[in-house]
Amino acid sequence: MRTLNPPTARDQRILDRAERKQNMQGRFTACEPLPGRRLILIDDVFTTGATMDQASIALERAGAQVRCATVARA
């Protein structure tokens, strides 16, 4: 997984829910096609879900079947 344009992303910690979602919109892309792959996407702390949502979308677009897990919820 590769982050697109990381310098333009704002610090998620200072944003509200809507701003976090907008900040992560289209931010990720898979580095290679992943047809038929089954992946678990793990996030250390789940707050609004904006990052996990956009990362899973990028992986699914690459052909992967994605399940998400988190360690803690804020």
Protein backbone atom coordinates (compact mmCIF):
# COMPACT_ATOMS: atom_id res chain seq x y z
CA MET A 1 0.00 0.00 0.00
CA ARG A 2 1.26 3.42 -0.90
CA THR A 3 0.09 6.79 0.40
CA LEU A 4 -0.51 9.35 -2.31
CA ASN A 5 0.67 12.91 -1.73
CA PRO A 6 1.46 12.47 1.99
CA PRO A 7 2.79 16.03 2.46
CA THR A 8 -0.64 17.48 1.62
CA ALA A 9 -2.49 15.50 4.30
CA ARG A 10 -3.40 17.43 7.42
CA ASP A 11 -2.78 16.06 10.91
CA GLN A 12 -5.84 13.90 11.65
CA ARG A 13 -5.63 14.62 15.39
CA ILE A 14 -6.79 18.21 14.96
CA LEU A 15 -9.69 17.49 12.58
CA ASP A 16 -13.34 16.74 13.26
CA ARG A 17 -15.12 13.68 11.79
CA ALA A 18 -16.10 15.29 8.47
CA GLU A 19 -12.67 16.86 8.00
CA ARG A 20 -10.93 13.53 8.70
CA LYS A 21 -13.02 11.79 6.05
CA GLN A 22 -12.25 14.51 3.50
CA ASN A 23 -8.55 14.53 4.45
CA MET A 24 -8.19 10.80 3.68
CA GLN A 25 -10.32 10.80 0.52
CA GLY A 26 -8.37 9.05 -2.26
CA ARG A 27 -5.20 9.08 -0.16
CA PHE A 28 -4.14 5.44 -0.71
CA THR A 29 -3.41 3.13 -3.61
CA ALA A 30 -2.25 -0.48 -3.78
CA CYS A 31 1.29 -0.98 -5.09
CA GLU A 32 0.26 -3.94 -7.21
CA PRO A 33 -2.86 -5.83 -8.36
CA LEU A 34 -4.26 -8.11 -5.64
CA PRO A 35 -6.87 -10.28 -7.36
CA GLY A 36 -8.13 -13.08 -5.14
CA ARG A 37 -5.99 -12.04 -2.14
CA ARG A 38 -7.60 -12.16 1.30
CA LEU A 39 -6.22 -9.49 3.62
CA ILE A 40 -6.68 -8.29 7.18
CA LEU A 41 -6.19 -4.56 7.57
CA ILE A 42 -5.22 -3.65 11.13
CA ASP A 43 -5.39 -0.17 12.62
CA ASP A 44 -3.82 0.51 16.01
CA VAL A 45 -6.43 3.06 17.13
CA PHE A 46 -9.85 3.43 15.50
CA THR A 47 -11.32 6.90 15.92
CA THR A 48 -13.56 7.94 13.02
CA GLY A 49 -12.61 5.12 10.65
CA ALA A 50 -11.60 7.52 7.87
CA THR A 51 -8.13 6.05 7.36
CA MET A 52 -9.25 2.42 7.54
CA ASP A 53 -12.15 3.14 5.19
CA GLN A 54 -9.98 4.68 2.48
CA ALA A 55 -7.21 2.08 2.83
CA SER A 56 -9.71 -0.78 2.50
CA ILE A 57 -11.28 0.86 -0.56
CA ALA A 58 -7.86 1.05 -2.25
CA LEU A 59 -7.15 -2.62 -1.50
CA GLU A 60 -10.58 -3.71 -2.74
CA ARG A 61 -10.10 -1.73 -5.96
CA ALA A 62 -6.90 -3.72 -6.47
CA GLY A 63 -8.94 -6.92 -6.24
CA ALA A 64 -8.42 -7.96 -2.61
CA GLN A 65 -11.04 -9.20 -0.21
CA VAL A 66 -10.51 -7.10 2.93
CA ARG A 67 -11.47 -7.57 6.56
CA CYS A 68 -10.66 -4.89 9.11
CA ALA A 69 -9.54 -5.16 12.74
CA THR A 70 -8.48 -2.64 15.34
CA VAL A 71 -6.57 -2.80 18.61
CA ALA A 72 -8.25 0.13 20.42
CA ARG A 73 -11.14 2.50 19.90
CA ALA A 74 -10.91 6.19 20.87
